[in-house]
Amino acid sequence: MSSSFPSHTDDTQEDWATAKRIAEKIGYLPAFFPRAVRTLIHDHHDASGYLRPVTKYQIAQLLKIQSFRAMLYFAALQMRKEKLKSEKAVTTGSLIDLFDPIDLASLIGAFVYYRRARKVLSNSQWDYIREDFHIVAQVGSTLGASIPAIGISAGILIGTMRMVGLTALVSADEKAFKEYRRHLRQKNLRYDLSKEKELYECTSEQIGVLAISKMGFGIPIGQAFRDAYKSEQNLTLIKDPLTLRMSITRFWMDHLLYGNIAPIIDIPEKYYPAHTEENSLLEEVQEVLDGKVGWISRGRDDISEKTTPLLFKPVKTSEDLPEQFTDIFSLEQITDMEEEDFDDLIDHLDEEQEAQFRSDVEDAIE
């Protein structure tokens, strides 16, 4: 397929003021989500990628909600299939252990915003972006899993956060969005930031930056995301490693979404898939473009004892293990835990608070 690639824009203070106003269309996020993401990002940076027990426990509370459990299970089937095959049963804890903290943060953030988009938009508005939201999430995560130098997190965020921006734009002015869609079809484009600015006085990328901040990812990730959409072909001018990774991810996505094999610009060798991964990457991308259902669109109805038996297989537990930990930690993990980590974990046990938390989360996304 022949393809054109999107033009880019320079930001102004007026653009950002408009973006902030339109971003409010995304609606309310329960505090737990940004708090969980910030904690995961903290573990990624300050704990050298080690998921602290208290963080794992907090994320496990989220997985008590079946929609999140389904999402993470199908994400693991896609991105951690070999590791999942070795499991005789899948507990909440073993599912969490399959992913790095920053990847968990991105999976959660993208899934929450996907569900928020579905909730705040009308059926006709949701139809405008649902397919593309699904495609960029699936292709991005497949790309990141296939190229470790890119990583799952960058693969997910580079496309889904722009789709969050489109969620706000279509909600703000559906008539303008119809004109935008006509423009994209005529030009054979996936997106066009210059046209967005013409129609809305801001872009989906700018709103995406605000969404990244609102979800708790922090300034460096938001800045790298923003700069990735400003960068042009000369990667040698990019000095920040995260911005370089995000920019290369964006170039890959722009090409894969048109069915092309790889970016036509000069990219360092480590940002290509291994030869053994290349064919499976391209096959997976084509399956997604052909309509394959992915992890981001999964929900409670997609898991059951019949269809996903690994998730429901009973697991032997030790009587020495506190009941609240049985599906999250093994006895060995508890025994090997540092005393400070264990004390911190005990301090977070609050059944009444957890019940209220589950109610708040379900109200926000279901």
Protein backbone atom coordinates (compact mmCIF):
# COMPACT_ATOMS: atom_id res chain seq x y z
CA MET A 1 0.00 0.00 0.00
CA SER A 2 1.33 3.48 -0.78
CA SER A 3 1.46 5.74 2.23
CA SER A 4 1.81 9.35 3.21
CA PHE A 5 3.18 10.40 6.57
CA PRO A 6 1.81 13.04 8.93
CA SER A 7 3.10 16.56 9.20
CA HIS A 8 3.98 18.06 12.57
CA THR A 9 3.33 21.33 14.34
CA ASP A 10 5.00 23.83 16.65
CA ASP A 11 3.24 24.37 19.96
CA THR A 12 2.14 27.69 21.45
CA GLN A 13 0.84 28.62 24.88
CA GLU A 14 -2.58 29.10 23.33
CA ASP A 15 -2.46 25.54 21.94
CA TRP A 16 -1.73 24.15 25.38
CA ALA A 17 -4.49 26.17 27.01
CA THR A 18 -6.95 24.74 24.47
CA ALA A 19 -5.54 21.23 24.93
CA LYS A 20 -6.02 21.45 28.71
CA ARG A 21 -9.61 22.57 28.27
CA ILE A 22 -10.44 19.80 25.79
CA ALA A 23 -8.57 17.17 27.84
CA GLU A 24 -11.19 17.61 30.56
CA LYS A 25 -13.55 15.67 28.26
CA ILE A 26 -11.71 12.50 29.29
CA GLY A 27 -13.39 12.80 32.66
CA TYR A 28 -12.66 11.70 36.19
CA LEU A 29 -9.95 9.17 37.09
CA PRO A 30 -10.09 7.53 40.53
CA ALA A 31 -6.91 8.41 42.44
CA PHE A 32 -5.89 4.77 42.63
CA PHE A 33 -4.87 4.62 38.97
CA PRO A 34 -2.27 7.43 38.93
CA ARG A 35 -1.10 6.33 42.36
CA ALA A 36 -0.55 2.77 41.10
CA VAL A 37 1.23 4.01 37.97
CA ARG A 38 3.48 6.37 39.97
CA THR A 39 4.38 3.50 42.29
CA LEU A 40 5.25 1.26 39.35
CA ILE A 41 7.33 4.00 37.73
CA HIS A 42 9.10 4.49 41.09
CA ASP A 43 9.97 0.80 41.19
CA HIS A 44 11.19 0.96 37.59
CA HIS A 45 13.59 3.82 38.35
CA ASP A 46 14.48 3.65 42.04
CA ALA A 47 14.26 -0.08 42.62
CA SER A 48 16.07 -0.96 39.37
CA GLY A 49 13.02 -2.69 37.96
CA TYR A 50 12.36 -4.71 41.12
CA LEU A 51 8.65 -4.87 41.92
CA ARG A 52 8.41 -4.22 45.65
CA PRO A 53 6.02 -6.50 47.56
CA VAL A 54 3.78 -3.59 48.57
CA THR A 55 3.51 -2.54 44.91
CA LYS A 56 2.66 -6.07 43.87
CA TYR A 57 -0.04 -6.22 46.54
CA GLN A 58 -1.57 -2.93 45.34
CA ILE A 59 -1.65 -4.11 41.72
CA ALA A 60 -3.15 -7.42 42.85
CA GLN A 61 -6.12 -5.54 44.29
CA LEU A 62 -6.75 -4.17 40.81
CA LEU A 63 -6.70 -7.67 39.35
CA LYS A 64 -9.55 -8.70 41.66
CA ILE A 65 -11.66 -6.81 39.13
CA GLN A 66 -12.27 -9.38 36.40
CA SER A 67 -11.90 -6.94 33.50
CA PHE A 68 -8.34 -6.12 34.56
CA ARG A 69 -7.57 -9.77 35.17
CA ALA A 70 -8.78 -10.61 31.65
CA MET A 71 -6.77 -7.78 30.12
CA LEU A 72 -3.51 -8.84 31.77
CA TYR A 73 -4.05 -12.52 31.00
CA PHE A 74 -4.56 -11.87 27.28
CA ALA A 75 -1.63 -9.44 27.27
CA ALA A 76 0.49 -12.25 28.72
CA LEU A 77 -0.82 -14.68 26.08
CA GLN A 78 0.34 -12.26 23.42
CA MET A 79 3.63 -11.01 24.87
CA ARG A 80 4.73 -13.69 27.36
CA LYS A 81 3.36 -16.83 25.72
CA GLU A 82 6.44 -18.99 26.33
CA LYS A 83 6.58 -18.12 30.03
CA LEU A 84 2.84 -18.67 30.38
CA LYS A 85 3.13 -22.12 28.82
CA SER A 86 5.30 -23.27 31.71
CA GLU A 87 2.63 -22.38 34.29
CA LYS A 88 0.40 -25.20 35.54
CA ALA A 89 -1.97 -22.59 36.99
CA VAL A 90 -2.02 -18.81 36.79
CA THR A 91 -2.36 -16.91 40.04
CA THR A 92 -2.70 -13.16 40.38
CA GLY A 93 0.88 -13.02 41.58
CA SER A 94 2.35 -15.14 38.78
CA LEU A 95 0.49 -13.04 36.20
CA ILE A 96 1.96 -9.83 37.63
CA ASP A 97 5.44 -11.37 37.75
CA LEU A 98 5.42 -11.86 33.97
CA PHE A 99 5.84 -8.11 33.37
CA ASP A 100 8.31 -5.40 34.36
CA PRO A 101 6.91 -2.54 36.50
CA ILE A 102 6.96 0.03 33.69
CA ASP A 103 5.19 -2.40 31.34
CA LEU A 104 2.49 -3.02 33.96
CA ALA A 105 2.08 0.75 34.30
CA SER A 106 1.59 1.15 30.55
CA LEU A 107 -0.83 -1.77 30.28
CA ILE A 108 -2.92 -0.39 33.13
CA GLY A 109 -2.82 3.20 31.88
CA ALA A 110 -3.79 2.31 28.32
CA PHE A 111 -6.56 -0.04 29.45
CA VAL A 112 -8.06 2.52 31.82
CA TYR A 113 -8.12 5.20 29.14
CA TYR A 114 -9.58 2.76 26.61
CA ARG A 115 -12.38 1.98 29.04
CA ARG A 116 -12.85 5.69 29.85
CA ALA A 117 -13.15 6.46 26.13
CA ARG A 118 -15.79 3.78 25.71
CA LYS A 119 -17.65 5.15 28.72
CA VAL A 120 -17.59 8.90 27.95
CA LEU A 121 -18.26 8.74 24.20
CA SER A 122 -21.59 8.05 22.56
CA ASN A 123 -21.88 4.88 20.49
CA SER A 124 -21.41 6.80 17.24
CA GLN A 125 -18.40 8.70 18.61
CA TRP A 126 -16.83 5.51 19.96
CA ASP A 127 -17.21 3.88 16.54
CA TYR A 128 -14.94 6.60 15.09
CA ILE A 129 -11.92 5.60 17.17
CA ARG A 130 -12.53 2.12 18.62
CA GLU A 131 -10.80 0.20 15.83
CA ASP A 132 -7.75 2.46 15.66
CA PHE A 133 -7.43 2.46 19.47
CA HIS A 134 -7.34 -1.32 19.39
CA ILE A 135 -4.91 -1.45 16.47
CA VAL A 136 -2.29 0.91 17.93
CA ALA A 137 -2.41 -0.87 21.30
CA GLN A 138 -1.95 -4.29 19.75
CA VAL A 139 0.64 -3.33 17.15
CA GLY A 140 2.60 -1.20 19.63
CA SER A 141 2.76 -3.90 22.29
CA THR A 142 3.74 -6.51 19.69
CA LEU A 143 6.47 -4.20 18.39
CA GLY A 144 7.79 -3.54 21.90
CA ALA A 145 7.80 -7.21 22.83
CA SER A 146 9.64 -8.09 19.59
CA ILE A 147 12.34 -5.42 20.02
CA PRO A 148 13.66 -5.28 23.61
CA ALA A 149 15.48 -1.99 22.94
CA ILE A 150 12.06 -0.43 22.32
CA GLY A 151 10.18 -2.30 25.02
CA ILE A 152 6.52 -2.95 25.67
CA SER A 153 5.94 0.33 27.49
CA ALA A 154 7.12 2.61 24.68
CA GLY A 155 5.27 0.50 22.14
CA ILE A 156 2.01 0.86 24.03
CA LEU A 157 2.24 4.52 25.02
CA ILE A 158 3.28 6.00 21.67
CA GLY A 159 0.00 5.09 20.01
CA THR A 160 -2.57 4.75 22.78
CA MET A 161 -1.92 8.13 24.39
CA ARG A 162 -2.52 9.83 21.05
CA MET A 163 -5.80 7.91 20.86
CA VAL A 164 -6.70 9.32 24.27
CA GLY A 165 -6.19 12.72 22.69
CA LEU A 166 -8.55 11.79 19.85
CA THR A 167 -11.10 10.68 22.43
CA ALA A 168 -11.16 14.21 23.81
CA LEU A 169 -11.24 15.80 20.36
CA VAL A 170 -14.22 13.79 19.10
CA SER A 171 -16.04 14.51 22.36
CA ALA A 172 -15.33 18.24 22.07
CA ASP A 173 -16.58 18.66 18.48
CA GLU A 174 -17.97 15.68 16.59
CA LYS A 175 -18.65 17.71 13.44
CA ALA A 176 -15.01 18.79 13.21
CA PHE A 177 -13.95 15.19 13.78
CA LYS A 178 -16.04 14.01 10.83
CA GLU A 179 -14.21 16.55 8.67
CA TYR A 180 -10.91 15.27 10.07
CA ARG A 181 -11.80 11.68 9.19
CA ARG A 182 -12.70 12.68 5.64
CA HIS A 183 -9.33 14.43 5.34
CA LEU A 184 -7.46 11.34 6.55
CA ARG A 185 -9.27 9.09 4.07
CA GLN A 186 -8.56 11.44 1.17
CA LYS A 187 -4.87 11.71 2.05
CA ASN A 188 -4.43 8.05 3.08
CA LEU A 189 -3.21 9.07 6.53
CA ARG A 190 -3.56 7.49 9.96
CA TYR A 191 -3.33 10.91 11.61
CA ASP A 192 -2.38 14.50 10.75
CA LEU A 193 -1.39 16.80 13.61
CA SER A 194 -1.41 19.89 11.39
CA LYS A 195 -5.02 19.24 10.38
CA GLU A 196 -5.96 18.65 14.02
CA LYS A 197 -4.47 22.00 14.94
CA GLU A 198 -6.38 23.68 12.11
CA LEU A 199 -9.69 22.19 13.28
CA TYR A 200 -9.25 22.23 17.07
CA GLU A 201 -6.41 24.71 17.79
CA CYS A 202 -4.53 21.86 19.50
CA THR A 203 -3.51 18.29 18.71
CA SER A 204 -4.14 14.77 19.96
CA GLU A 205 -0.43 14.55 20.77
CA GLN A 206 -0.70 17.53 23.14
CA ILE A 207 -3.71 16.03 24.90
CA GLY A 208 -1.78 12.75 25.02
CA VAL A 209 1.00 14.50 26.95
CA LEU A 210 -1.58 15.75 29.45
CA ALA A 211 -3.08 12.25 29.70
CA ILE A 212 0.36 10.80 30.45
CA SER A 213 0.80 13.33 33.24
CA LYS A 214 -2.70 12.76 34.63
CA MET A 215 -2.10 9.01 34.80
CA GLY A 216 1.07 9.49 36.85
CA PHE A 217 3.79 8.56 34.35
CA GLY A 218 5.83 11.65 35.16
CA ILE A 219 7.41 14.52 33.22
CA PRO A 220 10.28 12.63 31.47
CA ILE A 221 7.93 10.16 29.76
CA GLY A 222 5.50 12.92 28.78
CA GLN A 223 8.33 15.03 27.37
CA ALA A 224 9.76 12.10 25.41
CA PHE A 225 6.31 11.32 24.00
CA ARG A 226 5.85 14.95 22.95
CA ASP A 227 9.30 15.19 21.36
CA ALA A 228 8.80 11.89 19.52
CA TYR A 229 5.98 13.50 17.56
CA LYS A 230 8.12 16.56 16.83
CA SER A 231 11.19 14.65 15.66
CA GLU A 232 11.80 14.32 11.96
CA GLN A 233 14.09 11.98 10.05
CA ASN A 234 17.50 12.89 11.58
CA LEU A 235 17.79 10.77 14.72
CA THR A 236 21.41 11.83 15.29
CA LEU A 237 20.16 15.15 16.65
CA ILE A 238 18.29 13.44 19.51
CA LYS A 239 20.48 13.23 22.63
CA ASP A 240 18.00 12.01 25.26
CA PRO A 241 17.86 8.17 25.26
CA LEU A 242 14.16 8.00 26.16
CA THR A 243 13.23 10.51 23.46
CA LEU A 244 15.29 8.54 20.95
CA ARG A 245 13.52 5.32 21.91
CA MET A 246 10.08 6.95 21.71
CA SER A 247 10.93 8.56 18.36
CA ILE A 248 12.12 5.29 16.84
CA THR A 249 8.98 3.62 18.17
CA ARG A 250 6.86 6.26 16.48
CA PHE A 251 8.70 5.77 13.16
CA TRP A 252 8.19 2.00 13.40
CA MET A 253 4.49 2.44 14.15
CA ASP A 254 3.98 4.91 11.31
CA HIS A 255 5.33 2.30 8.89
CA LEU A 256 3.83 -0.88 10.33
CA LEU A 257 0.35 0.61 10.36
CA TYR A 258 0.57 0.94 6.58
CA GLY A 259 1.68 -2.67 6.24
CA ASN A 260 5.29 -1.71 5.48
CA ILE A 261 8.15 -3.90 6.68
CA ALA A 262 10.34 -1.34 8.49
CA PRO A 263 11.08 2.39 8.68
CA ILE A 264 12.91 3.76 5.67
CA ILE A 265 15.19 5.93 7.82
CA ASP A 266 18.55 4.90 9.29
CA ILE A 267 17.93 3.29 12.69
CA PRO A 268 20.57 1.72 14.99
CA GLU A 269 20.71 -2.05 14.65
CA LYS A 270 19.49 -2.77 18.19
CA TYR A 271 16.13 -1.19 17.30
CA TYR A 272 15.35 -3.95 14.82
CA PRO A 273 13.81 -7.30 15.75
CA ALA A 274 16.00 -10.39 15.79
CA HIS A 275 15.79 -12.31 12.52
CA THR A 276 13.77 -15.02 14.27
CA GLU A 277 11.26 -12.42 15.49
CA GLU A 278 10.83 -10.43 12.28
CA ASN A 279 8.38 -12.72 10.51
CA SER A 280 6.23 -13.24 13.60
CA LEU A 281 6.10 -9.46 14.15
CA LEU A 282 4.90 -8.82 10.60
CA GLU A 283 2.42 -11.70 10.74
CA GLU A 284 0.98 -10.43 14.03
CA VAL A 285 0.67 -6.89 12.69
CA GLN A 286 -1.17 -8.14 9.61
CA GLU A 287 -3.53 -10.20 11.77
CA VAL A 288 -4.30 -7.10 13.83
CA LEU A 289 -4.92 -5.01 10.72
CA ASP A 290 -7.24 -7.79 9.54
CA GLY A 291 -9.30 -7.55 12.74
CA LYS A 292 -7.72 -9.82 15.36
CA VAL A 293 -9.05 -9.06 18.85
CA GLY A 294 -6.35 -7.97 21.29
CA TRP A 295 -5.74 -7.55 25.02
CA ILE A 296 -6.98 -3.98 25.33
CA SER A 297 -10.54 -4.85 24.30
CA ARG A 298 -10.87 -7.86 26.61
CA GLY A 299 -13.20 -7.89 29.60
CA ARG A 300 -14.86 -10.00 32.26
CA ASP A 301 -16.89 -11.97 29.69
CA ASP A 302 -13.71 -13.25 28.02
CA ILE A 303 -12.56 -15.37 30.97
CA SER A 304 -14.22 -18.41 32.50
CA GLU A 305 -13.39 -21.88 33.79
CA LYS A 306 -14.22 -23.23 30.33
CA THR A 307 -12.42 -20.73 28.08
CA THR A 308 -9.43 -19.80 30.27
CA PRO A 309 -8.99 -22.76 32.65
CA LEU A 310 -5.48 -21.75 33.76
CA LEU A 311 -6.94 -18.70 35.50
CA PHE A 312 -9.38 -20.79 37.51
CA LYS A 313 -7.32 -23.85 38.38
CA PRO A 314 -7.04 -24.28 42.19
CA VAL A 315 -3.58 -23.63 43.61
CA LYS A 316 -2.20 -25.35 46.68
CA THR A 317 -1.38 -22.85 49.42
CA SER A 318 0.38 -23.09 52.75
CA GLU A 319 -1.51 -22.74 56.03
CA ASP A 320 1.37 -20.52 57.14
CA LEU A 321 0.46 -17.93 54.50
CA PRO A 322 -1.91 -15.08 55.50
CA GLU A 323 -5.22 -15.44 53.65
CA GLN A 324 -4.88 -12.03 51.97
CA PHE A 325 -1.64 -13.16 50.31
CA THR A 326 -2.62 -16.61 49.04
CA ASP A 327 -3.17 -15.67 45.39
CA ILE A 328 -0.39 -13.08 45.30
CA PHE A 329 2.74 -14.43 47.01
CA SER A 330 4.19 -17.88 47.45
CA LEU A 331 5.38 -18.94 50.90
CA GLU A 332 8.92 -18.81 49.55
CA GLN A 333 8.45 -15.19 48.45
CA ILE A 334 7.11 -14.24 51.88
CA THR A 335 9.94 -16.09 53.64
CA ASP A 336 12.61 -14.41 51.50
CA MET A 337 11.07 -10.95 51.91
CA GLU A 338 13.08 -8.24 53.65
CA GLU A 339 11.64 -7.36 57.05
CA GLU A 340 11.08 -3.75 56.00
CA ASP A 341 9.18 -4.87 52.89
CA PHE A 342 7.02 -7.25 54.93
CA ASP A 343 6.17 -4.56 57.52
CA ASP A 344 5.24 -2.16 54.71
CA LEU A 345 3.02 -4.84 53.20
CA ILE A 346 1.20 -5.50 56.47
CA ASP A 347 0.55 -1.77 56.88
CA HIS A 348 -1.45 -1.81 53.62
CA LEU A 349 -3.94 -4.50 54.65
CA ASP A 350 -7.34 -2.87 54.91
CA GLU A 351 -10.29 -4.98 53.73
CA GLU A 352 -12.88 -2.23 54.11
CA GLN A 353 -10.79 0.19 52.08
CA GLU A 354 -10.22 -2.47 49.41
CA ALA A 355 -13.97 -3.05 49.04
CA GLN A 356 -14.55 0.67 48.50
CA PHE A 357 -11.64 0.79 46.05
CA ARG A 358 -13.13 -1.99 43.91
CA SER A 359 -16.46 -0.19 43.82
CA ASP A 360 -14.82 3.09 42.73
CA VAL A 361 -12.77 1.40 40.02
CA GLU A 362 -15.73 -0.48 38.56
CA ASP A 363 -17.77 2.73 38.46
CA ALA A 364 -14.98 4.41 36.51
CA ILE A 365 -14.43 1.80 33.80
CA GLU A 366 -17.41 -0.54 33.51
